Amino acid sequence: MTRETPSRATDRFDDDDYPAYTMGRAAEMIGSTPAFLRAVGEARLIVPLRSKGGHRRYSRYQLRIAARARELVDQGNPIEAACRIVILEDQLEEAQRLNEELRRTTSDPSRPTGP
């Protein structure tokens, strides 16, 4: 087993996609239960990575998504509906971002038009 250099190990603390949290800790962080995290996994909203021993590991990004689903469930939505809402919200945000980017590039007067 090799030791990582301190700078590389520290970089993981800043990585939103690094699967740093066990199921129990992740559930605690978002105020839910491990069963809730398994349910959002079964709904394919998030797919946790697995440790070498087969244990689920969650990233901060995945926990933000699960926390949003938890909010929707707490508001009375079925878990399947909550997961679908989160997916649609994410797709809408991405479409709006792309639309804004397209607006900026087409309205830029310094950008050449045509071939």
PDB file of N, CA and C in Angstrom:
ATOM      1  N   MET A   1       0.848  -1.174   0.000  1.00  0.00           N
ATOM      2  CA  MET A   1       0.000   0.000   0.000  1.00  0.00           C
ATOM      3  C   MET A   1       0.890   1.232   0.000  1.00  0.00           C
ATOM      4  N   THR A   2       0.645   2.141  -0.915  1.00  0.00           N
ATOM      5  CA  THR A   2       1.478   3.327  -1.017  1.00  0.00           C
ATOM      6  C   THR A   2       0.819   4.500  -0.330  1.00  0.00           C
ATOM      7  N   ARG A   3       1.649   5.355   0.219  1.00  0.00           N
ATOM      8  CA  ARG A   3       1.134   6.576   0.848  1.00  0.00           C
ATOM      9  C   ARG A   3       1.034   7.653  -0.211  1.00  0.00           C
ATOM     10  N   GLU A   4      -0.012   8.434  -0.110  1.00  0.00           N
ATOM     11  CA  GLU A   4      -0.172   9.533  -1.049  1.00  0.00           C
ATOM     12  C   GLU A   4       0.564  10.749  -0.527  1.00  0.00           C
ATOM     13  N   THR A   5       0.983  11.580  -1.435  1.00  0.00           N
ATOM     14  CA  THR A   5       1.612  12.818  -1.005  1.00  0.00           C
ATOM     15  C   THR A   5       0.549  13.688  -0.365  1.00  0.00           C
ATOM     16  N   PRO A   6       0.923  14.504   0.627  1.00  0.00           N
ATOM     17  CA  PRO A   6      -0.084  15.326   1.309  1.00  0.00           C
ATOM     18  C   PRO A   6      -0.889  16.196   0.361  1.00  0.00           C
ATOM     19  N   SER A   7      -0.269  16.754  -0.675  1.00  0.00           N
ATOM     20  CA  SER A   7      -1.024  17.627  -1.572  1.00  0.00           C
ATOM     21  C   SER A   7      -2.104  16.849  -2.325  1.00  0.00           C
ATOM     22  N   ARG A   8      -1.797  15.630  -2.733  1.00  0.00           N
ATOM     23  CA  ARG A   8      -2.787  14.831  -3.457  1.00  0.00           C
ATOM     24  C   ARG A   8      -3.928  14.409  -2.528  1.00  0.00           C
ATOM     25  N   ALA A   9      -3.615  14.017  -1.321  1.00  0.00           N
ATOM     26  CA  ALA A   9      -4.645  13.624  -0.361  1.00  0.00           C
ATOM     27  C   ALA A   9      -5.534  14.817  -0.026  1.00  0.00           C
ATOM     28  N   THR A  10      -4.953  15.993   0.115  1.00  0.00           N
ATOM     29  CA  THR A  10      -5.715  17.200   0.431  1.00  0.00           C
ATOM     30  C   THR A  10      -6.636  17.586  -0.721  1.00  0.00           C
ATOM     31  N   ASP A  11      -6.202  17.346  -1.955  1.00  0.00           N
ATOM     32  CA  ASP A  11      -7.029  17.669  -3.118  1.00  0.00           C
ATOM     33  C   ASP A  11      -8.380  16.963  -3.065  1.00  0.00           C
ATOM     34  N   ARG A  12      -8.417  15.796  -2.491  1.00  0.00           N
ATOM     35  CA  ARG A  12      -9.673  15.041  -2.422  1.00  0.00           C
ATOM     36  C   ARG A  12     -10.706  15.733  -1.544  1.00  0.00           C
ATOM     37  N   PHE A  13     -10.251  16.489  -0.545  1.00  0.00           N
ATOM     38  CA  PHE A  13     -11.189  17.210   0.315  1.00  0.00           C
ATOM     39  C   PHE A  13     -11.954  18.262  -0.474  1.00  0.00           C
ATOM     40  N   ASP A  14     -11.369  18.755  -1.539  1.00  0.00           N
ATOM     41  CA  ASP A  14     -11.997  19.788  -2.355  1.00  0.00           C
ATOM     42  C   ASP A  14     -12.779  19.218  -3.530  1.00  0.00           C
ATOM     43  N   ASP A  15     -12.713  17.925  -3.734  1.00  0.00           N
ATOM     44  CA  ASP A  15     -13.344  17.279  -4.885  1.00  0.00           C
ATOM     45  C   ASP A  15     -14.782  16.892  -4.552  1.00  0.00           C
ATOM     46  N   ASP A  16     -15.748  17.570  -5.183  1.00  0.00           N
ATOM     47  CA  ASP A  16     -17.168  17.285  -4.955  1.00  0.00           C
ATOM     48  C   ASP A  16     -17.569  15.881  -5.391  1.00  0.00           C
ATOM     49  N   ASP A  17     -16.783  15.273  -6.276  1.00  0.00           N
ATOM     50  CA  ASP A  17     -17.136  13.963  -6.807  1.00  0.00           C
ATOM     51  C   ASP A  17     -16.422  12.806  -6.108  1.00  0.00           C
ATOM     52  N   TYR A  18     -15.570  13.109  -5.153  1.00  0.00           N
ATOM     53  CA  TYR A  18     -14.847  12.054  -4.451  1.00  0.00           C
ATOM     54  C   TYR A  18     -15.790  11.336  -3.485  1.00  0.00           C
ATOM     55  N   PRO A  19     -15.909  10.016  -3.593  1.00  0.00           N
ATOM     56  CA  PRO A  19     -16.851   9.261  -2.749  1.00  0.00           C
ATOM     57  C   PRO A  19     -16.310   9.067  -1.327  1.00  0.00           C
ATOM     58  N   ALA A  20     -16.430  10.087  -0.514  1.00  0.00           N
ATOM     59  CA  ALA A  20     -15.800  10.106   0.799  1.00  0.00           C
ATOM     60  C   ALA A  20     -16.689   9.610   1.934  1.00  0.00           C
ATOM     61  N   TYR A  21     -17.990   9.520   1.729  1.00  0.00           N
ATOM     62  CA  TYR A  21     -18.905   9.284   2.842  1.00  0.00           C
ATOM     63  C   TYR A  21     -19.542   7.902   2.795  1.00  0.00           C
ATOM     64  N   THR A  22     -19.512   7.222   3.922  1.00  0.00           N
ATOM     65  CA  THR A  22     -20.182   5.934   4.038  1.00  0.00           C
ATOM     66  C   THR A  22     -21.692   6.161   4.057  1.00  0.00           C
ATOM     67  N   MET A  23     -22.438   5.112   3.883  1.00  0.00           N
ATOM     68  CA  MET A  23     -23.892   5.240   3.866  1.00  0.00           C
ATOM     69  C   MET A  23     -24.418   5.830   5.175  1.00  0.00           C
ATOM     70  N   GLY A  24     -23.935   5.344   6.290  1.00  0.00           N
ATOM     71  CA  GLY A  24     -24.405   5.840   7.582  1.00  0.00           C
ATOM     72  C   GLY A  24     -24.117   7.310   7.774  1.00  0.00           C
ATOM     73  N   ARG A  25     -22.904   7.721   7.438  1.00  0.00           N
ATOM     74  CA  ARG A  25     -22.528   9.130   7.572  1.00  0.00           C
ATOM     75  C   ARG A  25     -23.297   9.989   6.583  1.00  0.00           C
ATOM     76  N   ALA A  26     -23.467   9.511   5.373  1.00  0.00           N
ATOM     77  CA  ALA A  26     -24.204  10.253   4.350  1.00  0.00           C
ATOM     78  C   ALA A  26     -25.655  10.457   4.783  1.00  0.00           C
ATOM     79  N   ALA A  27     -26.284   9.409   5.291  1.00  0.00           N
ATOM     80  CA  ALA A  27     -27.672   9.518   5.755  1.00  0.00           C
ATOM     81  C   ALA A  27     -27.773  10.528   6.892  1.00  0.00           C
ATOM     82  N   GLU A  28     -26.825  10.474   7.800  1.00  0.00           N
ATOM     83  CA  GLU A  28     -26.804  11.419   8.921  1.00  0.00           C
ATOM     84  C   GLU A  28     -26.662  12.856   8.424  1.00  0.00           C
ATOM     85  N   MET A  29     -25.803  13.058   7.445  1.00  0.00           N
ATOM     86  CA  MET A  29     -25.546  14.404   6.926  1.00  0.00           C
ATOM     87  C   MET A  29     -26.779  15.030   6.278  1.00  0.00           C
ATOM     88  N   ILE A  30     -27.605  14.224   5.627  1.00  0.00           N
ATOM     89  CA  ILE A  30     -28.790  14.792   4.968  1.00  0.00           C
ATOM     90  C   ILE A  30     -30.062  14.596   5.787  1.00  0.00           C
ATOM     91  N   GLY A  31     -29.920  14.048   6.980  1.00  0.00           N
ATOM     92  CA  GLY A  31     -31.074  13.883   7.860  1.00  0.00           C
ATOM     93  C   GLY A  31     -32.051  12.823   7.394  1.00  0.00           C
ATOM     94  N   SER A  32     -31.523  11.746   6.856  1.00  0.00           N
ATOM     95  CA  SER A  32     -32.387  10.660   6.391  1.00  0.00           C
ATOM     96  C   SER A  32     -31.910   9.345   6.986  1.00  0.00           C
ATOM     97  N   THR A  33     -32.334   8.278   6.370  1.00  0.00           N
ATOM     98  CA  THR A  33     -31.936   6.941   6.799  1.00  0.00           C
ATOM     99  C   THR A  33     -31.178   6.245   5.667  1.00  0.00           C
ATOM    100  N   PRO A  34     -30.431   5.213   5.988  1.00  0.00           N
ATOM    101  CA  PRO A  34     -29.805   4.441   4.918  1.00  0.00           C
ATOM    102  C   PRO A  34     -30.837   3.887   3.930  1.00  0.00           C
ATOM    103  N   ALA A  35     -32.022   3.554   4.420  1.00  0.00           N
ATOM    104  CA  ALA A  35     -33.070   3.039   3.525  1.00  0.00           C
ATOM    105  C   ALA A  35     -33.452   4.087   2.478  1.00  0.00           C
ATOM    106  N   PHE A  36     -33.476   5.355   2.870  1.00  0.00           N
ATOM    107  CA  PHE A  36     -33.785   6.424   1.912  1.00  0.00           C
ATOM    108  C   PHE A  36     -32.702   6.479   0.836  1.00  0.00           C
ATOM    109  N   LEU A  37     -31.448   6.407   1.235  1.00  0.00           N
ATOM    110  CA  LEU A  37     -30.363   6.432   0.251  1.00  0.00           C
ATOM    111  C   LEU A  37     -30.419   5.219  -0.670  1.00  0.00           C
ATOM    112  N   ARG A  38     -30.770   4.067  -0.125  1.00  0.00           N
ATOM    113  CA  ARG A  38     -30.928   2.887  -0.991  1.00  0.00           C
ATOM    114  C   ARG A  38     -32.064   3.116  -1.986  1.00  0.00           C
ATOM    115  N   ALA A  39     -33.148   3.747  -1.531  1.00  0.00           N
ATOM    116  CA  ALA A  39     -34.306   3.994  -2.406  1.00  0.00           C
ATOM    117  C   ALA A  39     -33.955   4.948  -3.547  1.00  0.00           C
ATOM    118  N   VAL A  40     -33.218   6.023  -3.261  1.00  0.00           N
ATOM    119  CA  VAL A  40     -32.850   6.935  -4.353  1.00  0.00           C
ATOM    120  C   VAL A  40     -31.841   6.270  -5.284  1.00  0.00           C
ATOM    121  N   GLY A  41     -31.069   5.334  -4.742  1.00  0.00           N
ATOM    122  CA  GLY A  41     -30.179   4.547  -5.591  1.00  0.00           C
ATOM    123  C   GLY A  41     -30.961   3.616  -6.502  1.00  0.00           C
ATOM    124  N   GLU A  42     -31.994   2.980  -5.957  1.00  0.00           N
ATOM    125  CA  GLU A  42     -32.838   2.088  -6.762  1.00  0.00           C
ATOM    126  C   GLU A  42     -33.597   2.872  -7.834  1.00  0.00           C
ATOM    127  N   ALA A  43     -33.946   4.114  -7.526  1.00  0.00           N
ATOM    128  CA  ALA A  43     -34.628   4.972  -8.505  1.00  0.00           C
ATOM    129  C   ALA A  43     -33.640   5.539  -9.522  1.00  0.00           C
ATOM    130  N   ARG A  44     -32.359   5.246  -9.343  1.00  0.00           N
ATOM    131  CA  ARG A  44     -31.277   5.656 -10.241  1.00  0.00           C
ATOM    132  C   ARG A  44     -31.059   7.172 -10.258  1.00  0.00           C
ATOM    133  N   LEU A  45     -31.459   7.837  -9.178  1.00  0.00           N
ATOM    134  CA  LEU A  45     -31.178   9.265  -9.073  1.00  0.00           C
ATOM    135  C   LEU A  45     -29.689   9.465  -8.831  1.00  0.00           C
ATOM    136  N   ILE A  46     -29.138   8.681  -7.945  1.00  0.00           N
ATOM    137  CA  ILE A  46     -27.693   8.678  -7.708  1.00  0.00           C
ATOM    138  C   ILE A  46     -27.225   7.236  -7.700  1.00  0.00           C
ATOM    139  N   VAL A  47     -26.015   7.030  -8.144  1.00  0.00           N
ATOM    140  CA  VAL A  47     -25.423   5.695  -8.146  1.00  0.00           C
ATOM    141  C   VAL A  47     -24.130   5.788  -7.344  1.00  0.00           C
ATOM    142  N   PRO A  48     -24.170   5.350  -6.096  1.00  0.00           N
ATOM    143  CA  PRO A  48     -22.956   5.456  -5.278  1.00  0.00           C
ATOM    144  C   PRO A  48     -21.861   4.533  -5.789  1.00  0.00           C
ATOM    145  N   LEU A  49     -20.648   4.968  -5.580  1.00  0.00           N
ATOM    146  CA  LEU A  49     -19.524   4.094  -5.895  1.00  0.00           C
ATOM    147  C   LEU A  49     -19.420   3.059  -4.787  1.00  0.00           C
ATOM    148  N   ARG A  50     -18.694   2.015  -5.046  1.00  0.00           N
ATOM    149  CA  ARG A  50     -18.533   0.956  -4.052  1.00  0.00           C
ATOM    150  C   ARG A  50     -17.071   0.859  -3.637  1.00  0.00           C
ATOM    151  N   SER A  51     -16.864   0.647  -2.350  1.00  0.00           N
ATOM    152  CA  SER A  51     -15.506   0.427  -1.841  1.00  0.00           C
ATOM    153  C   SER A  51     -15.059  -0.960  -2.272  1.00  0.00           C
ATOM    154  N   LYS A  52     -13.803  -1.266  -2.038  1.00  0.00           N
ATOM    155  CA  LYS A  52     -13.297  -2.610  -2.374  1.00  0.00           C
ATOM    156  C   LYS A  52     -14.081  -3.686  -1.651  1.00  0.00           C
ATOM    157  N   GLY A  53     -14.605  -3.371  -0.479  1.00  0.00           N
ATOM    158  CA  GLY A  53     -15.399  -4.325   0.290  1.00  0.00           C
ATOM    159  C   GLY A  53     -16.867  -4.349  -0.113  1.00  0.00           C
ATOM    160  N   GLY A  54     -17.256  -3.532  -1.107  1.00  0.00           N
ATOM    161  CA  GLY A  54     -18.628  -3.529  -1.602  1.00  0.00           C
ATOM    162  C   GLY A  54     -19.563  -2.540  -0.906  1.00  0.00           C
ATOM    163  N   HIS A  55     -19.024  -1.719  -0.015  1.00  0.00           N
ATOM    164  CA  HIS A  55     -19.854  -0.749   0.707  1.00  0.00           C
ATOM    165  C   HIS A  55     -20.096   0.498  -0.143  1.00  0.00           C
ATOM    166  N   ARG A  56     -21.301   1.036  -0.037  1.00  0.00           N
ATOM    167  CA  ARG A  56     -21.639   2.246  -0.788  1.00  0.00           C
ATOM    168  C   ARG A  56     -20.861   3.439  -0.242  1.00  0.00           C
ATOM    169  N   ARG A  57     -20.390   4.287  -1.163  1.00  0.00           N
ATOM    170  CA  ARG A  57     -19.695   5.525  -0.824  1.00  0.00           C
ATOM    171  C   ARG A  57     -20.317   6.658  -1.629  1.00  0.00           C
ATOM    172  N   TYR A  58     -20.551   7.771  -0.957  1.00  0.00           N
ATOM    173  CA  TYR A  58     -21.237   8.905  -1.566  1.00  0.00           C
ATOM    174  C   TYR A  58     -20.334  10.136  -1.617  1.00  0.00           C
ATOM    175  N   SER A  59     -20.504  10.918  -2.665  1.00  0.00           N
ATOM    176  CA  SER A  59     -19.772  12.179  -2.802  1.00  0.00           C
ATOM    177  C   SER A  59     -20.641  13.326  -2.288  1.00  0.00           C
ATOM    178  N   ARG A  60     -20.031  14.482  -2.103  1.00  0.00           N
ATOM    179  CA  ARG A  60     -20.790  15.663  -1.676  1.00  0.00           C
ATOM    180  C   ARG A  60     -21.826  16.039  -2.738  1.00  0.00           C
ATOM    181  N   TYR A  61     -21.458  15.906  -4.001  1.00  0.00           N
ATOM    182  CA  TYR A  61     -22.406  16.205  -5.082  1.00  0.00           C
ATOM    183  C   TYR A  61     -23.629  15.289  -4.985  1.00  0.00           C
ATOM    184  N   GLN A  62     -23.406  14.011  -4.790  1.00  0.00           N
ATOM    185  CA  GLN A  62     -24.515  13.071  -4.663  1.00  0.00           C
ATOM    186  C   GLN A  62     -25.369  13.385  -3.442  1.00  0.00           C
ATOM    187  N   LEU A  63     -24.735  13.823  -2.367  1.00  0.00           N
ATOM    188  CA  LEU A  63     -25.489  14.157  -1.157  1.00  0.00           C
ATOM    189  C   LEU A  63     -26.360  15.387  -1.362  1.00  0.00           C
ATOM    190  N   ARG A  64     -25.899  16.345  -2.149  1.00  0.00           N
ATOM    191  CA  ARG A  64     -26.749  17.513  -2.451  1.00  0.00           C
ATOM    192  C   ARG A  64     -27.986  17.084  -3.241  1.00  0.00           C
ATOM    193  N   ILE A  65     -27.807  16.183  -4.178  1.00  0.00           N
ATOM    194  CA  ILE A  65     -28.936  15.681  -4.970  1.00  0.00           C
ATOM    195  C   ILE A  65     -29.902  14.914  -4.065  1.00  0.00           C
ATOM    196  N   ALA A  66     -29.368  14.036  -3.230  1.00  0.00           N
ATOM    197  CA  ALA A  66     -30.209  13.252  -2.323  1.00  0.00           C
ATOM    198  C   ALA A  66     -30.941  14.163  -1.339  1.00  0.00           C
ATOM    199  N   ALA A  67     -30.273  15.213  -0.876  1.00  0.00           N
ATOM    200  CA  ALA A  67     -30.912  16.152   0.058  1.00  0.00           C
ATOM    201  C   ALA A  67     -32.078  16.870  -0.615  1.00  0.00           C
ATOM    202  N   ARG A  68     -31.933  17.226  -1.888  1.00  0.00           N
ATOM    203  CA  ARG A  68     -33.044  17.862  -2.613  1.00  0.00           C
ATOM    204  C   ARG A  68     -34.211  16.888  -2.744  1.00  0.00           C
ATOM    205  N   ALA A  69     -33.925  15.639  -3.049  1.00  0.00           N
ATOM    206  CA  ALA A  69     -34.985  14.631  -3.124  1.00  0.00           C
ATOM    207  C   ALA A  69     -35.650  14.475  -1.763  1.00  0.00           C
ATOM    208  N   ARG A  70     -34.865  14.511  -0.724  1.00  0.00           N
ATOM    209  CA  ARG A  70     -35.407  14.393   0.641  1.00  0.00           C
ATOM    210  C   ARG A  70     -36.370  15.539   0.943  1.00  0.00           C
ATOM    211  N   GLU A  71     -36.017  16.758   0.527  1.00  0.00           N
ATOM    212  CA  GLU A  71     -36.908  17.911   0.716  1.00  0.00           C
ATOM    213  C   GLU A  71     -38.257  17.659   0.047  1.00  0.00           C
ATOM    214  N   LEU A  72     -38.208  17.151  -1.176  1.00  0.00           N
ATOM    215  CA  LEU A  72     -39.445  16.901  -1.927  1.00  0.00           C
ATOM    216  C   LEU A  72     -40.274  15.802  -1.286  1.00  0.00           C
ATOM    217  N   VAL A  73     -39.618  14.770  -0.771  1.00  0.00           N
ATOM    218  CA  VAL A  73     -40.336  13.689  -0.082  1.00  0.00           C
ATOM    219  C   VAL A  73     -40.969  14.239   1.195  1.00  0.00           C
ATOM    220  N   ASP A  74     -40.234  15.068   1.898  1.00  0.00           N
ATOM    221  CA  ASP A  74     -40.765  15.681   3.122  1.00  0.00           C
ATOM    222  C   ASP A  74     -41.975  16.571   2.844  1.00  0.00           C
ATOM    223  N   GLN A  75     -42.070  17.070   1.607  1.00  0.00           N
ATOM    224  CA  GLN A  75     -43.211  17.896   1.215  1.00  0.00           C
ATOM    225  C   GLN A  75     -44.403  17.052   0.773  1.00  0.00           C
ATOM    226  N   GLY A  76     -44.240  15.730   0.811  1.00  0.00           N
ATOM    227  CA  GLY A  76     -45.359  14.841   0.506  1.00  0.00           C
ATOM    228  C   GLY A  76     -45.309  14.151  -0.839  1.00  0.00           C
ATOM    229  N   ASN A  77     -44.240  14.328  -1.584  1.00  0.00           N
ATOM    230  CA  ASN A  77     -44.116  13.667  -2.884  1.00  0.00           C
ATOM    231  C   ASN A  77     -43.624  12.235  -2.707  1.00  0.00           C
ATOM    232  N   PRO A  78     -44.148  11.312  -3.492  1.00  0.00           N
ATOM    233  CA  PRO A  78     -43.597   9.953  -3.470  1.00  0.00           C
ATOM    234  C   PRO A  78     -42.133   9.990  -3.919  1.00  0.00           C
ATOM    235  N   ILE A  79     -41.352   9.053  -3.454  1.00  0.00           N
ATOM    236  CA  ILE A  79     -39.921   9.085  -3.757  1.00  0.00           C
ATOM    237  C   ILE A  79     -39.631   9.035  -5.251  1.00  0.00           C
ATOM    238  N   GLU A  80     -40.405   8.262  -6.004  1.00  0.00           N
ATOM    239  CA  GLU A  80     -40.196   8.176  -7.451  1.00  0.00           C
ATOM    240  C   GLU A  80     -40.443   9.533  -8.102  1.00  0.00           C
ATOM    241  N   ALA A  81     -41.500  10.221  -7.654  1.00  0.00           N
ATOM    242  CA  ALA A  81     -41.811  11.546  -8.190  1.00  0.00           C
ATOM    243  C   ALA A  81     -40.729  12.540  -7.794  1.00  0.00           C
ATOM    244  N   ALA A  82     -40.267  12.470  -6.565  1.00  0.00           N
ATOM    245  CA  ALA A  82     -39.217  13.372  -6.103  1.00  0.00           C
ATOM    246  C   ALA A  82     -37.953  13.198  -6.941  1.00  0.00           C
ATOM    247  N   CYS A  83     -37.602  11.964  -7.224  1.00  0.00           N
ATOM    248  CA  CYS A  83     -36.418  11.699  -8.039  1.00  0.00           C
ATOM    249  C   CYS A  83     -36.600  12.251  -9.449  1.00  0.00           C
ATOM    250  N   ARG A  84     -37.769  12.077 -10.001  1.00  0.00           N
ATOM    251  CA  ARG A  84     -38.033  12.597 -11.352  1.00  0.00           C
ATOM    252  C   ARG A  84     -37.984  14.121 -11.366  1.00  0.00           C
ATOM    253  N   ILE A  85     -38.517  14.761 -10.347  1.00  0.00           N
ATOM    254  CA  ILE A  85     -38.485  16.221 -10.248  1.00  0.00           C
ATOM    255  C   ILE A  85     -37.043  16.718 -10.206  1.00  0.00           C
ATOM    256  N   VAL A  86     -36.208  16.062  -9.406  1.00  0.00           N
ATOM    257  CA  VAL A  86     -34.808  16.465  -9.299  1.00  0.00           C
ATOM    258  C   VAL A  86     -34.116  16.326 -10.656  1.00  0.00           C
ATOM    259  N   ILE A  87     -34.392  15.247 -11.360  1.00  0.00           N
ATOM    260  CA  ILE A  87     -33.800  15.042 -12.690  1.00  0.00           C
ATOM    261  C   ILE A  87     -34.262  16.137 -13.641  1.00  0.00           C
ATOM    262  N   LEU A  88     -35.552  16.444 -13.631  1.00  0.00           N
ATOM    263  CA  LEU A  88     -36.078  17.492 -14.514  1.00  0.00           C
ATOM    264  C   LEU A  88     -35.528  18.871 -14.156  1.00  0.00           C
ATOM    265  N   GLU A  89     -35.370  19.149 -12.869  1.00  0.00           N
ATOM    266  CA  GLU A  89     -34.776  20.422 -12.450  1.00  0.00           C
ATOM    267  C   GLU A  89     -33.347  20.543 -12.974  1.00  0.00           C
ATOM    268  N   ASP A  90     -32.609  19.455 -12.894  1.00  0.00           N
ATOM    269  CA  ASP A  90     -31.232  19.444 -13.372  1.00  0.00           C
ATOM    270  C   ASP A  90     -31.183  19.649 -14.890  1.00  0.00           C
ATOM    271  N   GLN A  91     -32.081  18.996 -15.611  1.00  0.00           N
ATOM    272  CA  GLN A  91     -32.121  19.155 -17.070  1.00  0.00           C
ATOM    273  C   GLN A  91     -32.500  20.586 -17.449  1.00  0.00           C
ATOM    274  N   LEU A  92     -33.434  21.170 -16.722  1.00  0.00           N
ATOM    275  CA  LEU A  92     -33.838  22.544 -16.983  1.00  0.00           C
ATOM    276  C   LEU A  92     -32.677  23.505 -16.740  1.00  0.00           C
ATOM    277  N   GLU A  93     -31.972  23.313 -15.644  1.00  0.00           N
ATOM    278  CA  GLU A  93     -30.828  24.171 -15.332  1.00  0.00           C
ATOM    279  C   GLU A  93     -29.763  24.089 -16.427  1.00  0.00           C
ATOM    280  N   GLU A  94     -29.494  22.882 -16.901  1.00  0.00           N
ATOM    281  CA  GLU A  94     -28.509  22.700 -17.969  1.00  0.00           C
ATOM    282  C   GLU A  94     -28.986  23.353 -19.265  1.00  0.00           C
ATOM    283  N   ALA A  95     -30.257  23.209 -19.603  1.00  0.00           N
ATOM    284  CA  ALA A  95     -30.798  23.830 -20.813  1.00  0.00           C
ATOM    285  C   ALA A  95     -30.713  25.357 -20.725  1.00  0.00           C
ATOM    286  N   GLN A  96     -31.010  25.902 -19.560  1.00  0.00           N
ATOM    287  CA  GLN A  96     -30.914  27.349 -19.380  1.00  0.00           C
ATOM    288  C   GLN A  96     -29.468  27.827 -19.502  1.00  0.00           C
ATOM    289  N   ARG A  97     -28.547  27.053 -18.969  1.00  0.00           N
ATOM    290  CA  ARG A  97     -27.132  27.407 -19.077  1.00  0.00           C
ATOM    291  C   ARG A  97     -26.685  27.402 -20.535  1.00  0.00           C
ATOM    292  N   LEU A  98     -27.059  26.370 -21.271  1.00  0.00           N
ATOM    293  CA  LEU A  98     -26.707  26.288 -22.685  1.00  0.00           C
ATOM    294  C   LEU A  98     -27.359  27.402 -23.495  1.00  0.00           C
ATOM    295  N   ASN A  99     -28.599  27.717 -23.174  1.00  0.00           N
ATOM    296  CA  ASN A  99     -29.316  28.782 -23.864  1.00  0.00           C
ATOM    297  C   ASN A  99     -28.607  30.125 -23.647  1.00  0.00           C
ATOM    298  N   GLU A 100     -28.208  30.398 -22.424  1.00  0.00           N
ATOM    299  CA  GLU A 100     -27.505  31.635 -22.115  1.00  0.00           C
ATOM    300  C   GLU A 100     -26.163  31.695 -22.837  1.00  0.00           C
ATOM    301  N   GLU A 101     -25.465  30.581 -22.870  1.00  0.00           N
ATOM    302  CA  GLU A 101     -24.192  30.518 -23.584  1.00  0.00           C
ATOM    303  C   GLU A 101     -24.395  30.791 -25.069  1.00  0.00           C
ATOM    304  N   LEU A 102     -25.433  30.208 -25.645  1.00  0.00           N
ATOM    305  CA  LEU A 102     -25.740  30.431 -27.054  1.00  0.00           C
ATOM    306  C   LEU A 102     -26.090  31.893 -27.310  1.00  0.00           C
ATOM    307  N   ARG A 103     -26.851  32.495 -26.427  1.00  0.00           N
ATOM    308  CA  ARG A 103     -27.200  33.917 -26.563  1.00  0.00           C
ATOM    309  C   ARG A 103     -25.944  34.788 -26.568  1.00  0.00           C
ATOM    310  N   ARG A 104     -25.037  34.478 -25.651  1.00  0.00           N
ATOM    311  CA  ARG A 104     -23.807  35.276 -25.576  1.00  0.00           C
ATOM    312  C   ARG A 104     -22.990  35.154 -26.849  1.00  0.00           C
ATOM    313  N   THR A 105     -22.867  33.944 -27.389  1.00  0.00           N
ATOM    314  CA  THR A 105     -22.038  33.759 -28.588  1.00  0.00           C
ATOM    315  C   THR A 105     -22.694  34.339 -29.830  1.00  0.00           C
ATOM    316  N   THR A 106     -24.017  34.323 -29.918  1.00  0.00           N
ATOM    317  CA  THR A 106     -24.678  34.867 -31.104  1.00  0.00           C
ATOM    318  C   THR A 106     -24.850  36.383 -31.031  1.00  0.00           C
ATOM    319  N   SER A 107     -24.793  36.955 -29.847  1.00  0.00           N
ATOM    320  CA  SER A 107     -24.943  38.408 -29.735  1.00  0.00           C
ATOM    321  C   SER A 107     -23.597  39.121 -29.658  1.00  0.00           C
ATOM    322  N   ASP A 108     -22.506  38.386 -29.689  1.00  0.00           N
ATOM    323  CA  ASP A 108     -21.172  38.976 -29.627  1.00  0.00           C
ATOM    324  C   ASP A 108     -20.842  39.597 -30.982  1.00  0.00           C
ATOM    325  N   PRO A 109     -20.767  40.944 -31.068  1.00  0.00           N
ATOM    326  CA  PRO A 109     -20.520  41.591 -32.360  1.00  0.00           C
ATOM    327  C   PRO A 109     -19.114  41.314 -32.912  1.00  0.00           C
ATOM    328  N   SER A 110     -18.182  40.923 -32.086  1.00  0.00           N
ATOM    329  CA  SER A 110     -16.822  40.652 -32.582  1.00  0.00           C
ATOM    330  C   SER A 110     -16.698  39.255 -33.169  1.00  0.00           C
ATOM    331  N   ARG A 111     -17.730  38.451 -33.006  1.00  0.00           N
ATOM    332  CA  ARG A 111     -17.701  37.077 -33.522  1.00  0.00           C
ATOM    333  C   ARG A 111     -18.038  37.097 -35.012  1.00  0.00           C
ATOM    334  N   PRO A 112     -17.181  36.535 -35.852  1.00  0.00           N
ATOM    335  CA  PRO A 112     -17.468  36.524 -37.298  1.00  0.00           C
ATOM    336  C   PRO A 112     -18.671  35.644 -37.614  1.00  0.00           C
ATOM    337  N   THR A 113     -19.427  36.050 -38.613  1.00  0.00           N
ATOM    338  CA  THR A 113     -20.575  35.257 -39.056  1.00  0.00           C
ATOM    339  C   THR A 113     -20.269  34.654 -40.413  1.00  0.00           C
ATOM    340  N   GLY A 114     -20.858  33.520 -40.646  1.00  0.00           N
ATOM    341  CA  GLY A 114     -20.699  32.861 -41.947  1.00  0.00           C
ATOM    342  C   GLY A 114     -19.356  32.192 -42.105  1.00  0.00           C
ATOM    343  N   PRO A 115     -19.146  31.500 -43.259  1.00  0.00           N
ATOM    344  CA  PRO A 115     -17.893  30.773 -43.497  1.00  0.00           C
ATOM    345  C   PRO A 115     -16.754  31.663 -43.911  1.00  0.00           C
TER     346      PRO A 115
END
